[in-house]
Amino acid sequence: MPLRNTADHYGSLAKLLHWSIMLLILVQFFLAESADDLPDGIEKLKILSRHKSIGMLVLALAVVRIGWKIANRGLPAPVGSGILKKTAAAGHGLLYLLILLQPLTGWAMSSAANFPVTFFGWFQFPALVGANPELHERLADVHEALFWVLAAVAALHAAAALYHHFVLKDGVLRRMSPFGRRRA
C-alpha cells in the first residue's frame, strides 16, 4: 500500500492518522467517563493525566494529518454531485476544527485550574492561560459541549460513508478502509 494518496485511494499515512485519531478519541471518551465516576484522589488524577496526554497526542496527530492533507498532492478524486461534494468538504472542515478545538479547550481548562498538562510524564506543556476558576468552569462546559458536537458530526460522517457504500455503491468507504484496497 503506497504511503501517499493516489487518484482513487488514500495512502497508508492518511489512513493511519485517520483511524488512529478516531480510536484515540474513543479512548478519550472512556477515560473521561471513568474519571467522572471516581471520587477525587490519586486514581482519578492518574486517569485525567492519561486523558490529557492522549488529548495532546490527538492534537499533534491532527496537526500532522492536516499538514499531510495540504502537502500531499494526488488526493482521491471527489465523488458525487456538487451538493455532496460541498457537504463533504464542510463536514470534513468541521471535523478537523472540532478535533483541534477539543484538546485545545482541555489544555486551556487545565491551565485555568492551575493543573499541569504533561505528555505521558515526559515533559510539561506551558499553561495557555493563567489560573482562573471561573474560566475553568466555562471551559469545562465548552470542552464537554464540543465533545458532543464532535460525536454528532463524526456519527454523521460515518453514516455518510455507509450511505456511499451501501446506497450509492461508489467506493467512497473503500478509499479510507484500513484493510487496503479490497473491492466490493
Protein backbone atom coordinates (compact mmCIF):
# COMPACT_ATOMS: atom_id res chain seq x y z
CA MET A 1 0.00 0.00 0.00
CA PRO A 2 1.56 3.31 -1.01
CA LEU A 3 2.40 5.95 1.59
CA ARG A 4 0.97 8.79 -0.48
CA ASN A 5 -2.56 9.18 -1.74
CA THR A 6 -3.38 8.06 -5.26
CA ALA A 7 -6.13 9.23 -7.56
CA ASP A 8 -8.59 6.74 -6.06
CA HIS A 9 -7.36 5.79 -2.56
CA TYR A 10 -5.92 7.44 0.48
CA GLY A 11 -2.34 6.41 1.22
CA SER A 12 -1.22 4.44 4.25
CA LEU A 13 -0.17 7.53 6.25
CA ALA A 14 -3.53 9.27 5.77
CA LYS A 15 -5.34 6.07 6.77
CA LEU A 16 -3.11 5.52 9.79
CA LEU A 17 -3.68 9.08 11.00
CA HIS A 18 -7.44 8.95 10.32
CA TRP A 19 -8.05 5.69 12.19
CA SER A 20 -5.57 6.44 14.98
CA ILE A 21 -7.25 9.75 15.75
CA MET A 22 -10.67 8.09 15.69
CA LEU A 23 -9.58 5.33 18.09
CA LEU A 24 -7.83 7.77 20.42
CA ILE A 25 -10.96 9.93 20.60
CA LEU A 26 -12.96 6.85 21.61
CA VAL A 27 -10.37 6.09 24.30
CA GLN A 28 -10.67 9.69 25.46
CA PHE A 29 -14.41 9.33 25.93
CA PHE A 30 -14.00 6.22 28.07
CA LEU A 31 -11.20 7.76 30.12
CA ALA A 32 -13.29 10.88 30.80
CA GLU A 33 -16.31 8.80 31.73
CA SER A 34 -14.31 6.57 34.07
CA ALA A 35 -12.69 9.63 35.73
CA ASP A 36 -16.13 11.20 36.26
CA ASP A 37 -17.22 8.10 38.15
CA LEU A 38 -14.31 8.28 40.60
CA PRO A 39 -14.05 10.32 43.79
CA ASP A 40 -11.27 12.91 43.93
CA GLY A 41 -7.97 11.20 44.60
CA ILE A 42 -4.87 9.66 43.09
CA GLU A 43 -6.70 7.19 40.83
CA LYS A 44 -8.77 9.98 39.27
CA LEU A 45 -5.63 12.11 38.81
CA LYS A 46 -3.87 9.23 37.03
CA ILE A 47 -6.76 8.78 34.61
CA LEU A 48 -7.06 12.51 33.97
CA SER A 49 -3.30 12.77 33.38
CA ARG A 50 -3.54 9.96 30.81
CA HIS A 51 -6.58 11.72 29.28
CA LYS A 52 -4.59 14.95 28.93
CA SER A 53 -1.59 13.18 27.41
CA ILE A 54 -3.74 11.39 24.86
CA GLY A 55 -5.52 14.66 24.12
CA MET A 56 -2.19 16.29 23.31
CA LEU A 57 -1.31 13.30 21.14
CA VAL A 58 -4.61 13.74 19.27
CA LEU A 59 -3.76 17.42 18.79
CA ALA A 60 -0.31 16.57 17.41
CA LEU A 61 -1.68 13.85 15.11
CA ALA A 62 -4.41 16.21 13.87
CA VAL A 63 -1.82 18.86 13.00
CA VAL A 64 0.23 16.22 11.16
CA ARG A 65 -2.93 14.97 9.40
CA ILE A 66 -3.85 18.47 8.24
CA GLY A 67 -0.28 19.16 7.14
CA TRP A 68 -0.18 15.88 5.23
CA LYS A 69 -3.50 16.66 3.59
CA ILE A 70 -2.23 20.07 2.47
CA ALA A 71 1.17 18.80 1.30
CA ASN A 72 0.02 15.58 -0.35
CA ARG A 73 -0.97 16.01 -3.93
CA GLY A 74 -2.76 13.18 -5.70
CA LEU A 75 -5.73 13.26 -3.38
CA PRO A 76 -8.60 10.95 -4.25
CA ALA A 77 -10.92 12.47 -6.81
CA PRO A 78 -14.13 13.87 -5.33
CA VAL A 79 -17.12 11.61 -5.63
CA GLY A 80 -20.74 12.58 -6.05
CA SER A 81 -22.81 15.58 -7.07
CA GLY A 82 -21.96 19.20 -6.34
CA ILE A 83 -24.07 19.27 -3.17
CA LEU A 84 -22.48 16.04 -1.91
CA LYS A 85 -19.00 17.45 -2.54
CA LYS A 86 -19.81 20.70 -0.74
CA THR A 87 -21.43 18.89 2.18
CA ALA A 88 -18.48 16.51 2.47
CA ALA A 89 -15.99 19.40 2.38
CA ALA A 90 -17.94 21.28 5.06
CA GLY A 91 -18.22 18.15 7.20
CA HIS A 92 -14.51 17.40 6.92
CA GLY A 93 -13.63 21.00 7.73
CA LEU A 94 -15.88 20.93 10.79
CA LEU A 95 -14.38 17.63 11.94
CA TYR A 96 -10.85 19.00 11.65
CA LEU A 97 -11.84 22.16 13.53
CA LEU A 98 -13.50 20.18 16.33
CA ILE A 99 -10.58 17.74 16.58
CA LEU A 100 -8.27 20.74 17.07
CA LEU A 101 -10.54 22.66 19.43
CA GLN A 102 -11.25 19.71 21.72
CA PRO A 103 -7.70 19.26 23.05
CA LEU A 104 -7.03 23.00 22.98
CA THR A 105 -10.02 23.68 25.24
CA GLY A 106 -8.94 20.84 27.52
CA TRP A 107 -5.44 22.28 27.72
CA ALA A 108 -6.80 25.77 28.46
CA MET A 109 -9.23 24.31 31.01
CA SER A 110 -6.38 22.58 32.87
CA SER A 111 -4.32 25.75 32.71
CA ALA A 112 -7.18 27.79 34.17
CA ALA A 113 -7.44 25.27 37.02
CA ASN A 114 -3.66 25.56 37.53
CA PHE A 115 -3.22 21.86 36.74
CA PRO A 116 -0.25 20.78 34.60
CA VAL A 117 -0.63 19.18 31.20
CA THR A 118 2.15 16.70 30.55
CA PHE A 119 2.91 14.32 27.75
CA PHE A 120 2.93 10.93 29.48
CA GLY A 121 5.16 12.43 32.18
CA TRP A 122 7.99 13.12 29.72
CA PHE A 123 7.55 16.89 29.65
CA GLN A 124 5.09 19.57 30.67
CA PHE A 125 3.33 21.91 28.28
CA PRO A 126 3.21 25.59 29.18
CA ALA A 127 -0.03 26.98 30.56
CA LEU A 128 -2.26 28.50 27.89
CA VAL A 129 -4.00 30.83 30.35
CA GLY A 130 -3.44 31.92 33.92
CA ALA A 131 -5.19 30.35 36.88
CA ASN A 132 -8.84 31.42 36.85
CA PRO A 133 -11.53 29.24 38.49
CA GLU A 134 -14.40 30.96 36.66
CA LEU A 135 -12.71 30.49 33.29
CA HIS A 136 -12.02 26.87 34.22
CA GLU A 137 -15.74 26.27 34.77
CA ARG A 138 -16.70 27.91 31.47
CA LEU A 139 -14.04 25.98 29.59
CA ALA A 140 -15.18 22.72 31.22
CA ASP A 141 -18.67 23.36 29.83
CA VAL A 142 -17.27 24.25 26.39
CA HIS A 143 -14.98 21.19 26.39
CA GLU A 144 -17.89 18.87 27.14
CA ALA A 145 -20.23 20.56 24.64
CA LEU A 146 -17.56 20.37 21.92
CA PHE A 147 -17.18 16.65 22.56
CA TRP A 148 -20.88 16.04 21.96
CA VAL A 149 -20.82 18.16 18.80
CA LEU A 150 -17.74 16.23 17.65
CA ALA A 151 -19.50 12.93 18.40
CA ALA A 152 -22.56 14.03 16.39
CA VAL A 153 -20.52 15.23 13.41
CA ALA A 154 -18.39 12.06 13.50
CA ALA A 155 -21.57 9.94 13.57
CA LEU A 156 -22.88 11.83 10.53
CA HIS A 157 -19.50 11.33 8.84
CA ALA A 158 -19.70 7.57 9.45
CA ALA A 159 -23.33 7.46 8.32
CA ALA A 160 -22.40 9.29 5.11
CA ALA A 161 -19.61 6.79 4.45
CA LEU A 162 -22.06 3.92 4.95
CA TYR A 163 -24.60 5.66 2.69
CA HIS A 164 -21.97 5.95 -0.03
CA HIS A 165 -21.02 2.31 0.39
CA PHE A 166 -24.43 0.64 0.65
CA VAL A 167 -26.74 3.01 -1.25
CA LEU A 168 -24.62 4.85 -3.79
CA LYS A 169 -22.11 1.98 -4.10
CA ASP A 170 -19.47 4.46 -5.23
CA GLY A 171 -16.38 3.23 -3.37
CA VAL A 172 -16.01 6.18 -1.01
CA LEU A 173 -15.77 3.96 2.07
CA ARG A 174 -13.15 1.71 0.46
CA ARG A 175 -10.90 4.72 -0.19
CA MET A 176 -10.27 5.12 3.56
CA SER A 177 -10.64 1.47 4.55
CA PRO A 178 -7.82 0.39 6.86
CA PHE A 179 -7.87 -3.00 5.15
CA GLY A 180 -6.15 -1.99 1.94
CA ARG A 181 -7.72 -1.82 -1.50
CA ARG A 182 -10.32 -4.56 -1.37
CA ARG A 183 -13.03 -4.46 -3.96
CA ALA A 184 -16.66 -5.00 -3.03
